[in-house]
Protein backbone atom coordinates (compact mmCIF):
# COMPACT_ATOMS: atom_id res chain seq x y z
CA UNK A 1 -0.02 0.11 -0.29
CA UNK A 2 3.26 2.61 0.86
CA UNK A 3 3.95 2.33 -3.01
CA UNK A 4 0.46 4.07 -4.21
CA UNK A 5 1.19 7.73 -3.00
CA UNK A 6 4.13 7.17 -5.25
CA UNK A 7 2.56 5.98 -7.89
CA UNK A 8 0.28 8.74 -7.84
CA UNK A 9 2.98 11.10 -7.83
CA UNK A 10 4.76 10.01 -10.89
CA UNK A 11 1.29 9.65 -12.23
CA UNK A 12 0.64 13.46 -11.79
CA UNK A 13 4.15 14.43 -13.37
CA UNK A 14 3.31 12.89 -16.09
CA UNK A 15 6.42 10.60 -16.47
CA UNK A 16 6.83 9.70 -20.17
CA UNK A 17 7.27 6.27 -19.95
CA UNK A 18 3.23 6.13 -18.75
CA UNK A 19 0.74 4.31 -21.08
CA UNK A 20 -1.75 5.95 -23.05
CA UNK A 21 -4.26 8.45 -21.80
CA UNK A 22 -7.83 6.61 -21.07
CA UNK A 23 -10.22 6.54 -23.72
CA UNK A 24 -13.45 8.33 -22.84
CA UNK A 25 -15.48 11.18 -23.51
CA UNK A 26 -16.64 14.02 -21.02
CA UNK A 27 -20.00 12.54 -19.61
CA UNK A 28 -18.27 11.13 -16.23
CA UNK A 29 -17.46 14.48 -15.67
CA UNK A 30 -21.03 16.08 -15.89
CA UNK A 31 -21.01 16.38 -12.04
CA UNK A 32 -18.32 18.95 -12.12
CA UNK A 33 -20.84 21.38 -13.93
CA UNK A 34 -22.23 24.02 -11.58
CA UNK A 35 -20.77 26.24 -8.56
CA UNK A 36 -18.06 25.86 -6.42
CA UNK A 37 -16.07 27.68 -3.23
CA UNK A 38 -13.97 27.10 -0.51
CA UNK A 39 -10.75 28.10 0.92
CA UNK A 40 -7.32 27.63 0.34
CA UNK A 41 -3.91 28.38 1.49
CA UNK A 42 -3.91 31.49 -0.96
CA UNK A 43 -7.19 32.48 0.12
CA UNK A 44 -10.72 32.10 -1.32
CA UNK A 45 -11.49 30.18 -4.21
CA UNK A 46 -14.79 30.56 -6.01
CA UNK A 47 -15.56 28.29 -9.37
CA UNK A 48 -18.18 28.19 -11.83
CA UNK A 49 -18.61 25.52 -14.57
CA UNK A 50 -20.96 25.13 -17.73
CA UNK A 51 -22.07 21.35 -18.22
CA UNK A 52 -21.06 19.37 -21.18
CA UNK A 53 -21.66 20.42 -24.79
CA UNK A 54 -19.57 19.97 -28.26
CA UNK A 55 -17.21 18.27 -26.75
CA UNK A 56 -15.96 20.53 -24.41
CA UNK A 57 -16.95 22.26 -20.63
CA UNK A 58 -15.93 25.45 -19.80
CA UNK A 59 -15.10 27.30 -16.31
CA UNK A 60 -14.29 30.45 -14.80
CA UNK A 61 -11.92 30.92 -11.37
CA UNK A 62 -12.21 33.75 -9.35
CA UNK A 63 -9.46 34.09 -6.68
CA UNK A 64 -9.60 36.42 -3.69
CA UNK A 65 -7.54 37.43 -1.05
CA UNK A 66 -7.36 39.85 1.78
CA UNK A 67 -10.92 41.48 0.11
CA UNK A 68 -9.49 41.86 -2.82
CA UNK A 69 -9.56 39.63 -6.81
CA UNK A 70 -6.04 38.43 -7.21
CA UNK A 71 -6.04 36.38 -10.29
CA UNK A 72 -9.19 35.14 -12.36
CA UNK A 73 -8.53 32.02 -14.86
CA UNK A 74 -10.32 30.26 -17.81
CA UNK A 75 -10.33 26.26 -18.01
CA UNK A 76 -11.28 24.06 -20.86
CA UNK A 77 -11.84 20.20 -20.45
CA UNK A 78 -11.83 19.23 -24.36
CA UNK A 79 -12.56 15.61 -26.04
CA UNK A 80 -9.32 14.86 -28.27
CA UNK A 81 -8.39 11.47 -29.87
CA UNK A 82 -10.80 9.77 -27.99
CA UNK A 83 -9.60 10.96 -24.59
CA UNK A 84 -10.21 14.47 -22.45
CA UNK A 85 -7.72 16.92 -22.26
CA UNK A 86 -7.13 20.03 -19.60
CA UNK A 87 -6.10 23.78 -20.73
CA UNK A 88 -6.00 26.86 -18.52
CA UNK A 89 -4.99 30.26 -18.56
CA UNK A 90 -4.54 32.65 -15.70
CA UNK A 91 -4.99 36.07 -15.47
CA UNK A 92 -4.71 39.16 -12.89
CA UNK A 93 -7.34 40.97 -11.07
CA UNK A 94 -7.27 43.33 -14.25
CA UNK A 95 -7.11 40.34 -17.14
CA UNK A 96 -3.54 40.73 -17.62
CA UNK A 97 -2.20 37.32 -18.59
CA UNK A 98 0.00 35.61 -16.72
CA UNK A 99 1.25 33.14 -19.47
CA UNK A 100 0.98 33.90 -23.50
CA UNK A 101 -0.94 34.59 -26.05
CA UNK A 102 -0.79 31.16 -27.18
CA UNK A 103 -3.00 28.05 -27.13
CA UNK A 104 -1.69 26.54 -23.54
CA UNK A 105 -0.36 23.25 -24.07
CA UNK A 106 -3.15 20.56 -23.42
CA UNK A 107 -2.48 18.06 -19.70
CA UNK A 108 -3.00 14.60 -20.72
CA UNK A 109 -5.81 12.88 -19.11
CA UNK A 110 -4.00 10.12 -17.27
CA UNK A 111 -6.79 8.43 -15.05
CA UNK A 112 -10.75 8.74 -14.46
CA UNK A 113 -13.68 7.16 -12.25
CA UNK A 114 -16.85 7.97 -11.12
CA UNK A 115 -14.86 9.96 -8.16
CA UNK A 116 -11.50 10.77 -9.41
CA UNK A 117 -9.79 12.55 -12.61
CA UNK A 118 -6.49 12.92 -12.72
CA UNK A 119 -4.54 14.74 -15.08
CA UNK A 120 -0.47 15.99 -15.53
CA UNK A 121 -0.19 17.68 -12.45
CA UNK A 122 -3.85 18.26 -11.56
CA UNK A 123 -5.49 15.77 -9.62
CA UNK A 124 -9.11 16.53 -8.71
CA UNK A 125 -11.21 13.63 -6.02
CA UNK A 126 -14.87 14.44 -5.26
CA UNK A 127 -16.76 12.59 -2.02
CA UNK A 128 -20.09 13.63 -2.28
CA UNK A 129 -20.66 17.81 -2.83
CA UNK A 130 -17.00 18.09 -1.32
CA UNK A 131 -14.38 18.46 -4.33
CA UNK A 132 -10.49 18.25 -3.51
CA UNK A 133 -7.97 19.47 -5.96
CA UNK A 134 -4.37 18.61 -5.82
CA UNK A 135 -1.76 20.16 -8.14
CA UNK A 136 2.45 18.40 -8.24
CA UNK A 137 5.03 20.19 -9.07
CA UNK A 138 8.26 18.68 -9.60
CA UNK A 139 10.45 18.85 -6.48
CA UNK A 140 7.69 20.34 -4.10
CA UNK A 141 4.74 19.56 -2.10
CA UNK A 142 1.60 19.15 -3.42
CA UNK A 143 -1.08 21.95 -3.36
CA UNK A 144 -4.17 21.62 -1.81
CA UNK A 145 -7.42 23.31 -2.00
CA UNK A 146 -11.03 22.08 -1.05
CA UNK A 147 -14.38 23.17 -2.47
CA UNK A 148 -17.55 22.80 -1.66
CA UNK A 149 -20.72 22.60 -4.06
CA UNK A 150 -23.00 25.73 -3.87
CA UNK A 151 -26.67 25.64 -4.77
CA UNK A 152 -28.33 29.25 -4.67
CA UNK A 153 -31.83 30.41 -5.52
CA UNK A 154 -31.63 32.70 -8.70
CA UNK A 155 -31.46 36.39 -7.72
CA UNK A 156 -34.91 37.70 -8.09
CA UNK A 157 -34.78 40.74 -10.75
CA UNK A 158 -37.83 42.90 -12.50
CA UNK A 159 -38.04 42.41 -15.90
CA UNK A 160 -36.48 45.69 -17.41
CA UNK A 161 -37.95 47.62 -20.31
CA UNK A 162 -36.84 47.18 -23.69
CA UNK A 163 -34.08 49.69 -24.20
CA UNK A 164 -34.44 51.99 -26.74
CA UNK A 165 -32.42 51.78 -28.31
CA UNK A 166 -30.72 48.21 -27.23
CA UNK A 167 -27.19 49.47 -27.21
CA UNK A 168 -26.02 52.72 -26.13
CA UNK A 169 -22.60 54.86 -27.14
CA UNK A 170 -20.97 57.02 -24.74
CA UNK A 171 -20.63 60.75 -25.77
CA UNK A 172 -16.72 61.66 -26.22
CA UNK A 173 -15.19 62.71 -22.89
CA UNK A 174 -18.49 61.61 -21.05
CA UNK A 175 -18.22 60.34 -17.40
CA UNK A 176 -19.48 57.26 -16.44
CA UNK A 177 -22.33 57.13 -13.74
CA UNK A 178 -21.36 56.20 -10.25
CA UNK A 179 -22.78 52.47 -9.17
CA UNK A 180 -21.57 49.62 -7.02
CA UNK A 181 -20.93 45.71 -8.08
CA UNK A 182 -24.29 44.91 -6.19
CA UNK A 183 -26.27 46.30 -9.22
CA UNK A 184 -25.35 43.28 -11.35
CA UNK A 185 -26.38 40.50 -8.57
CA UNK A 186 -28.85 39.60 -11.08
CA UNK A 187 -26.25 38.42 -13.54
CA UNK A 188 -25.53 35.22 -11.28
CA UNK A 189 -26.08 31.36 -12.44
CA UNK A 190 -26.53 29.57 -15.41
CA UNK A 191 -27.95 31.04 -18.78
CA UNK A 192 -28.19 29.36 -21.93
CA UNK A 193 -29.73 30.28 -25.22
CA UNK A 194 -29.09 31.65 -28.89
CA UNK A 195 -26.76 34.47 -30.77
CA UNK A 196 -24.93 34.49 -33.05
CA UNK A 197 -26.70 32.14 -35.47
CA UNK A 198 -25.61 29.15 -33.27
CA UNK A 199 -26.00 28.06 -29.17
CA UNK A 200 -24.49 30.45 -26.45
CA UNK A 201 -24.11 29.72 -22.91
CA UNK A 202 -23.08 32.14 -19.95
CA UNK A 203 -22.26 31.17 -15.99
CA UNK A 204 -21.57 33.76 -13.47
CA UNK A 205 -20.45 34.42 -10.02
CA UNK A 206 -22.26 36.20 -7.47
CA UNK A 207 -20.98 39.56 -6.65
CA UNK A 208 -17.65 39.60 -4.34
CA UNK A 209 -14.64 41.89 -4.10
CA UNK A 210 -16.25 44.53 -5.89
CA UNK A 211 -16.52 42.10 -9.06
CA UNK A 212 -18.42 39.20 -10.75
CA UNK A 213 -16.90 36.96 -13.23
CA UNK A 214 -17.96 34.49 -15.52
CA UNK A 215 -17.38 32.42 -18.80
CA UNK A 216 -19.06 32.56 -22.13
CA UNK A 217 -19.23 29.54 -24.61
CA UNK A 218 -20.59 30.23 -28.25
CA UNK A 219 -21.16 26.54 -30.65
CA UNK A 220 -22.40 26.00 -34.16
CA UNK A 221 -22.51 23.25 -35.63
CA UNK A 222 -21.66 21.04 -32.47
CA UNK A 223 -18.40 22.86 -32.75
CA UNK A 224 -16.98 25.73 -30.51
CA UNK A 225 -16.31 28.54 -32.27
CA UNK A 226 -15.13 30.82 -29.22
CA UNK A 227 -14.96 31.59 -25.55
CA UNK A 228 -14.62 34.60 -23.49
CA UNK A 229 -13.58 35.34 -19.56
CA UNK A 230 -15.68 37.67 -18.96
CA UNK A 231 -15.75 40.22 -15.44
CA UNK A 232 -17.54 43.73 -14.51
CA UNK A 233 -15.62 44.95 -12.00
CA UNK A 234 -15.63 48.57 -10.08
CA UNK A 235 -13.44 51.47 -11.32
CA UNK A 236 -13.46 54.81 -10.00
CA UNK A 237 -16.47 54.54 -8.32
CA UNK A 238 -18.52 52.97 -11.35
CA UNK A 239 -18.29 49.89 -13.19
CA UNK A 240 -16.50 48.63 -16.38
CA UNK A 241 -17.25 45.13 -18.14
CA UNK A 242 -14.01 43.79 -18.97
CA UNK A 243 -13.39 40.45 -21.48
CA UNK A 244 -10.90 38.53 -23.44
CA UNK A 245 -11.82 36.27 -25.92
CA UNK A 246 -10.24 32.74 -26.81
CA UNK A 247 -10.20 30.39 -30.08
CA UNK A 248 -11.18 26.50 -29.51
CA UNK A 249 -7.54 25.90 -28.24
CA UNK A 250 -7.84 28.66 -25.91
CA UNK A 251 -5.27 30.75 -27.98
CA UNK A 252 -6.05 34.43 -26.85
CA UNK A 253 -7.74 36.56 -29.72
CA UNK A 254 -6.23 39.81 -27.84
CA UNK A 255 -2.24 39.89 -26.40
CA UNK A 256 -1.67 39.34 -22.72
CA UNK A 257 -1.81 42.58 -21.54
CA UNK A 258 -4.92 43.59 -22.98
CA UNK A 259 -8.65 43.41 -22.44
CA UNK A 260 -11.23 45.11 -23.99
CA UNK A 261 -13.44 47.61 -21.84
CA UNK A 262 -16.96 48.33 -21.76
CA UNK A 263 -17.81 51.69 -19.87
CA UNK A 264 -20.88 51.48 -17.71
CA UNK A 265 -23.68 54.35 -19.37
CA UNK A 266 -26.76 53.22 -17.28
CA UNK A 267 -27.37 51.11 -14.93
CA UNK A 268 -31.41 49.99 -13.37
CA UNK A 269 -32.34 47.83 -11.15
CA UNK A 270 -31.87 44.85 -13.64
CA UNK A 271 -30.25 46.31 -16.73
CA UNK A 272 -26.71 47.41 -17.61
CA UNK A 273 -25.88 49.11 -20.27
CA UNK A 274 -22.14 49.63 -21.19
CA UNK A 275 -20.91 51.81 -24.33
CA UNK A 276 -21.43 49.17 -26.45
CA UNK A 277 -22.85 46.33 -25.03
CA UNK A 278 -26.31 46.06 -23.00
CA UNK A 279 -27.38 43.29 -20.40
CA UNK A 280 -30.86 43.29 -19.44
CA UNK A 281 -33.22 41.01 -17.59
CA UNK A 282 -36.01 39.83 -19.30
CA UNK A 283 -39.49 38.27 -18.40
CA UNK A 284 -38.54 35.11 -19.64
CA UNK A 285 -34.71 35.49 -18.51
CA UNK A 286 -31.94 37.24 -19.74
CA UNK A 287 -30.56 39.67 -22.83
CA UNK A 288 -27.40 41.05 -23.57
CA UNK A 289 -26.90 43.28 -27.19
CA UNK A 290 -23.51 43.82 -28.60
CA UNK A 291 -21.99 46.26 -31.19
CA UNK A 292 -20.15 44.20 -33.61
CA UNK A 293 -17.82 45.76 -35.91
CA UNK A 294 -17.98 45.23 -39.68
CA UNK A 295 -15.91 44.76 -42.53
CA UNK A 296 -16.45 48.44 -44.03
CA UNK A 297 -16.02 50.30 -40.88
CA UNK A 298 -19.51 50.04 -39.91
CA UNK A 299 -21.31 48.35 -36.84
CA UNK A 300 -24.88 45.95 -36.05
CA UNK A 301 -26.66 45.43 -33.11
CA UNK A 302 -26.08 41.47 -32.07
CA UNK A 303 -29.02 40.15 -30.24
CA UNK A 304 -28.39 37.14 -27.41
CA UNK A 305 -31.51 35.51 -25.46
CA UNK A 306 -30.93 33.30 -23.21
CA UNK A 307 -33.21 30.91 -20.22
CA UNK A 308 -32.36 29.90 -16.98
CA UNK A 309 -30.59 26.35 -17.71
CA UNK A 310 -32.61 23.83 -16.08
CA UNK A 311 -31.23 20.98 -14.04
């Protein structure tokens, strides 16, 4: 029995002599979908995973230390070559990348069961609604993190009146109105719907440390077209919607140091209108509008319609 820890360490370090990855799809990992939170050695960790679709799962991670956001991550599990791989990227509180713009190397699957999954350097063990994560580093003691599943009632929100026009643009030199992150609480939850001619999905964490954070997945014809890591944060007494785009392999569309910012133009109890981007609660769920650039230099308004995901 004493050989098991050594064998496990070798597995997690990805020893070249290991056998090929187990053949599987993402269905055994469907239990990972949903919201998780817990305290670790470097502060609080919160995560929200979208369920399997188009051969992928996508998640957002927010790390909080001493009441401030320490960083965000986007993680993707993908079916590849008859098995599953893990990719992730890390960012600071302003969404500046800690890695390059390139696609991160995939971490190979080493073992999988109904209660345990191991990739190169990362191991997840599930006991009921408790998830323990171990991160292995060569020559160092493994870091451990324990998360608990979170089940929430969807925040109540009165449907907003349809804005006219649906997307506002800030006047040159305009000052954003005062707002706190609490006005974005109704974003929290798991949403699925239509947009850009395909399926659009979003999952948002609740407000904490002057921010909300979410992950977006767009699919068409059973294939992922792109992902987004999204945040709404307090800046200068107002709010900014800040995001980064990624291809299906998590290659960044923006350079590591750059994010796309939308300054707040107007807010209400159940609507946020940023410069070129609108979110509002509708009678059926959630509606979003964004100005999309055209090849001729013009723009068009693109609409996304979401409903709460049913269990």
